[in-house]
Protein backbone atom coordinates (compact mmCIF):
# COMPACT_ATOMS: atom_id res chain seq x y z
CA MET A 1 145.66 61.65 120.69
CA ILE A 2 146.89 64.73 122.54
CA THR A 3 144.65 67.69 123.30
CA PHE A 4 146.33 71.09 123.70
CA ARG A 5 144.47 73.76 125.68
CA TYR A 6 145.97 76.94 127.12
CA ALA A 7 149.34 76.28 125.48
CA THR A 8 150.79 74.10 128.23
CA ALA A 9 154.30 73.00 127.32
CA ALA A 10 154.18 69.96 129.62
CA ALA A 11 151.52 68.25 127.50
CA PHE A 12 153.69 68.61 124.38
CA LEU A 13 156.75 67.27 126.15
CA ALA A 14 154.87 64.26 127.49
CA ALA A 15 153.61 63.47 124.01
CA GLY A 16 157.05 63.82 122.46
CA LEU A 17 155.77 66.38 119.99
CA LEU A 18 157.70 69.35 121.31
CA THR A 19 161.28 69.81 122.41
CA THR A 20 161.27 73.48 123.34
CA PRO A 21 159.19 74.23 126.48
CA ALA A 22 159.70 77.98 126.17
CA ALA A 23 157.77 77.97 122.92
CA PHE A 24 154.52 77.59 124.84
CA ALA A 25 154.69 80.30 127.46
CA ALA A 26 151.12 81.18 128.39
CA THR A 27 149.56 84.26 126.83
CA PRO A 28 146.62 86.27 128.20
CA ALA A 29 144.38 85.45 125.25
CA GLY A 30 144.32 83.86 121.81
CA TYR A 31 144.70 80.19 122.83
CA ALA A 32 144.72 77.95 119.83
CA GLY A 33 142.54 75.04 120.95
CA VAL A 34 144.59 72.34 119.21
CA VAL A 35 144.16 68.58 118.94
CA ALA A 36 146.98 66.63 117.25
CA ASP A 37 148.09 63.06 116.58
CA ASP A 38 150.65 61.51 114.27
CA ALA A 39 148.46 61.93 111.20
CA LYS A 40 146.60 65.20 111.59
CA ILE A 41 146.18 68.40 113.55
CA THR A 42 142.89 70.14 114.36
CA VAL A 43 142.99 73.87 115.03
CA THR A 44 140.28 76.36 115.98
CA GLY A 45 140.53 79.72 114.25
CA ASN A 46 138.79 82.91 115.32
CA GLY A 47 137.88 85.83 113.10
CA ALA A 48 136.00 89.06 113.77
CA VAL A 49 135.34 92.21 111.79
CA SER A 50 133.79 95.52 112.77
CA ALA A 51 130.88 96.92 110.81
CA ALA A 52 128.57 99.90 111.11
CA PRO A 53 124.91 99.04 111.84
CA ASP A 54 122.44 100.38 109.29
CA ARG A 55 119.15 99.74 111.09
CA MET A 56 117.55 100.76 114.36
CA ARG A 57 114.83 98.99 116.33
CA LEU A 58 112.83 101.17 118.64
CA GLN A 59 110.49 99.95 121.36
CA ALA A 60 107.74 102.48 121.98
CA GLY A 61 104.11 102.61 122.99
CA VAL A 62 101.39 104.39 124.90
CA GLU A 63 100.00 104.00 128.40
CA VAL A 64 96.90 105.51 130.01
CA ARG A 65 95.06 105.29 133.33
CA ARG A 66 91.32 105.78 133.56
CA ALA A 67 88.50 105.11 136.01
CA THR A 68 87.04 102.19 134.05
CA ALA A 69 88.55 99.40 132.02
CA GLY A 70 86.61 100.38 128.89
CA ALA A 71 87.75 104.00 129.06
CA ALA A 72 91.37 102.99 129.62
CA PHE A 73 91.39 100.53 126.76
CA GLY A 74 89.60 102.88 124.37
CA ASP A 75 91.87 105.83 125.12
CA ALA A 76 94.94 103.60 124.78
CA ARG A 77 93.79 102.49 121.35
CA ARG A 78 93.26 106.08 120.26
CA ALA A 79 96.66 107.13 121.62
CA ALA A 80 98.27 104.19 119.79
CA ALA A 81 96.65 105.32 116.55
CA THR A 82 98.04 108.83 117.09
CA LEU A 83 101.51 107.38 117.66
CA ARG A 84 101.23 105.21 114.56
CA THR A 85 100.26 108.21 112.43
CA ALA A 86 103.18 110.25 113.79
CA LEU A 87 105.62 107.47 112.91
CA LEU A 88 104.24 107.07 109.40
CA ASN A 89 104.47 110.84 108.86
CA VAL A 90 108.25 110.88 109.49
CA GLY A 91 108.95 108.16 106.95
CA VAL A 92 108.54 104.81 108.73
CA ASP A 93 107.05 102.20 106.42
CA GLU A 94 103.77 100.70 107.56
CA ASP A 95 105.21 97.20 107.19
CA ASP A 96 107.94 98.13 109.69
CA LEU A 97 105.47 98.76 112.52
CA ARG A 98 104.58 95.77 114.69
CA THR A 99 102.32 95.65 117.72
CA SER A 100 104.44 94.13 120.48
CA GLU A 101 102.01 94.08 123.40
CA ILE A 102 98.53 95.05 124.59
CA THR A 103 97.91 95.35 128.31
CA LEU A 104 94.93 96.12 130.53
CA GLY A 105 94.66 95.70 134.25
CA PRO A 106 93.36 97.18 137.51
CA GLU A 107 95.35 99.37 139.88
CA TYR A 108 94.83 99.51 143.62
CA ASP A 109 95.32 102.27 146.15
CA ASP A 110 93.99 100.03 148.94
CA TYR A 111 93.67 96.39 147.86
CA PRO A 112 91.20 94.96 147.00
CA LYS A 113 89.52 98.25 146.20
CA VAL A 114 90.17 99.14 142.54
CA ALA A 115 91.36 102.72 142.07
CA GLY A 116 91.42 102.63 138.28
CA TYR A 117 92.59 100.76 135.21
CA ARG A 118 95.80 101.04 133.24
CA ALA A 119 95.99 100.10 129.57
CA GLY A 120 98.90 100.07 127.19
CA HIS A 121 99.82 99.38 123.59
CA GLY A 122 103.42 98.62 122.64
CA VAL A 123 104.92 98.91 119.18
CA GLU A 124 108.24 97.83 117.72
CA VAL A 125 109.54 100.15 115.01
CA LEU A 126 112.12 99.08 112.45
CA VAL A 127 113.97 102.11 111.07
CA ARG A 128 115.78 101.15 107.87
CA ASP A 129 117.17 104.64 107.24
CA LEU A 130 119.28 105.88 110.14
CA GLY A 131 119.08 109.36 108.63
CA ILE A 132 115.57 109.67 110.07
CA ALA A 133 116.39 108.09 113.45
CA ASP A 134 116.18 111.38 115.35
CA ARG A 135 112.91 112.26 113.64
CA VAL A 136 111.45 108.90 114.65
CA VAL A 137 112.37 109.46 118.29
CA ASP A 138 110.93 112.98 118.12
CA ALA A 139 107.73 111.58 116.63
CA VAL A 140 107.26 109.34 119.67
CA ALA A 141 107.88 112.24 122.03
CA SER A 142 105.37 114.42 120.17
CA ALA A 143 102.58 111.83 120.20
CA GLY A 144 101.20 113.05 123.52
CA GLU A 145 101.62 112.58 127.24
CA GLU A 146 100.58 108.94 126.91
CA ALA A 147 103.59 108.12 124.74
CA ARG A 148 106.37 105.90 126.10
CA LEU A 149 109.87 105.28 124.72
CA ASN A 150 111.25 102.00 126.07
CA GLY A 151 114.60 101.67 124.32
CA ILE A 152 116.47 101.24 121.06
CA SER A 153 118.93 98.78 119.56
CA PHE A 154 120.98 98.71 116.37
CA GLU A 155 121.62 95.94 113.89
CA ILE A 156 123.27 95.15 110.58
CA GLY A 157 120.57 94.56 108.02
CA ASP A 158 122.61 92.22 105.80
CA PRO A 159 125.55 90.76 107.74
CA ALA A 160 126.62 88.46 104.87
CA THR A 161 129.56 90.64 103.77
CA ALA A 162 130.85 91.04 107.32
CA LEU A 163 130.44 87.31 108.00
CA ALA A 164 132.37 86.45 104.82
CA ALA A 165 135.25 88.68 105.93
CA ALA A 166 135.15 87.12 109.41
CA ARG A 167 135.34 83.63 107.87
CA ASP A 168 138.40 84.66 105.86
CA ALA A 169 140.05 85.94 109.03
CA ALA A 170 139.09 82.82 111.02
CA TYR A 171 140.51 80.43 108.42
CA LYS A 172 143.75 82.39 108.13
CA ASP A 173 144.02 82.37 111.92
CA ALA A 174 143.59 78.58 112.01
CA GLU A 175 146.13 78.07 109.23
CA THR A 176 148.69 80.32 110.92
CA LYS A 177 148.35 78.45 114.22
CA ALA A 178 148.58 75.06 112.51
CA ARG A 179 151.73 76.03 110.60
CA GLN A 180 153.33 77.25 113.81
CA TYR A 181 152.58 74.01 115.65
CA ALA A 182 153.75 71.90 112.72
CA LYS A 183 157.04 73.80 112.61
CA LEU A 184 157.53 73.51 116.36
CA THR A 185 157.13 69.74 116.15
CA GLY A 186 159.34 69.32 113.09
CA ARG A 187 156.45 68.51 110.77
CA ARG A 188 154.84 70.07 107.71
CA LEU A 189 151.21 70.80 106.97
CA GLY A 190 149.56 68.70 104.33
CA ARG A 191 146.17 69.00 102.72
CA VAL A 192 143.05 70.23 104.48
CA LEU A 193 140.97 67.26 105.61
CA SER A 194 137.91 69.16 106.82
CA VAL A 195 136.60 72.61 107.67
CA SER A 196 133.62 73.26 109.93
CA GLU A 197 132.12 76.40 111.35
CA ASP A 198 131.14 76.37 115.00
CA GLY A 199 127.46 77.24 115.02
CA GLU A 200 126.18 79.51 112.27
CA GLY A 201 128.53 82.38 112.89
CA ARG A 202 128.20 84.64 115.89
CA ALA A 203 125.53 87.26 115.61
CA PRO A 204 126.59 90.88 115.84
CA ILE A 205 127.36 91.80 119.44
CA PRO A 206 126.24 95.11 121.03
CA PHE A 207 127.74 98.28 119.63
CA GLU A 208 131.21 99.19 120.83
CA GLY A 209 130.67 102.86 121.41
CA VAL A 210 129.62 106.17 119.94
CA HIS A 211 131.33 107.17 116.73
CA LEU A 212 130.92 109.83 114.07
CA MET A 213 127.89 111.50 115.58
CA ALA A 214 127.03 114.68 113.71
CA ALA A 215 126.60 117.85 115.72
CA ASP A 216 122.87 117.98 114.97
CA LYS A 217 122.22 114.30 115.78
CA SER A 218 121.47 112.63 119.09
CA ILE A 219 121.37 109.04 117.80
CA SER A 220 124.58 107.19 116.97
CA PRO A 221 124.75 103.46 116.07
CA GLY A 222 128.44 103.00 116.86
CA ARG A 223 129.92 99.79 115.43
CA GLN A 224 129.28 96.09 115.93
CA SER A 225 131.64 93.13 115.86
CA VAL A 226 130.69 90.12 113.74
CA GLY A 227 132.61 86.97 114.62
CA VAL A 228 133.10 83.43 113.34
CA ASN A 229 134.88 80.37 114.77
CA VAL A 230 136.12 77.64 112.41
CA ARG A 231 137.62 74.25 113.10
CA VAL A 232 140.12 73.09 110.48
CA VAL A 233 141.73 69.65 110.28
CA PHE A 234 145.10 69.52 108.47
CA GLU A 235 147.10 66.51 107.45
CA LEU A 236 150.52 66.33 109.12
CA ARG A 237 153.56 65.21 107.14
């Protein structure tokens, strides 16, 4: 069995499967990842599609410092309740609010002398309607001086459609590569012996940039790439 990586012509020549070295000049990207023998050829295909995220996850919370642990914890709880109410008032569903952390600890100006206590409550907010994204961020900012905004991320709520399109592209990529190799070696492709997907499909990767941001909006989800790798085994004739 011969394994082809990085399109090296020497490997084909040594195996007697290729008579034209120039056909495998190296390319910067897009290597096929091919394994072939007299009976079959295995090719890895890659497919990716771009899709617009439709959800936002926001990490927010409150943080307070007080002279005693009880006062810090109590005031943090009250500030967290104020933040929760502000988020509900702008349209976030109660089921889309999740407490992500609760902290309480001493602070020192001159260790081991305790100067005070700091308490915090964190919340993760799932925003299913990006039309209210700016209002959600504003709600955090308006919740008081204790409020904290720790970051946002975007995601595709139902990636099934994008993954299906990526699988189509990955299979076509594998088939195109296999036909090229078969032709180069004077063979023909036969039936498909097996198809497998590497992993469970790649999760959406971070957004590619800022696109289509309205003049009155400060939040833009950009686009995400959803990718799939497939390994296809073809019969060689």
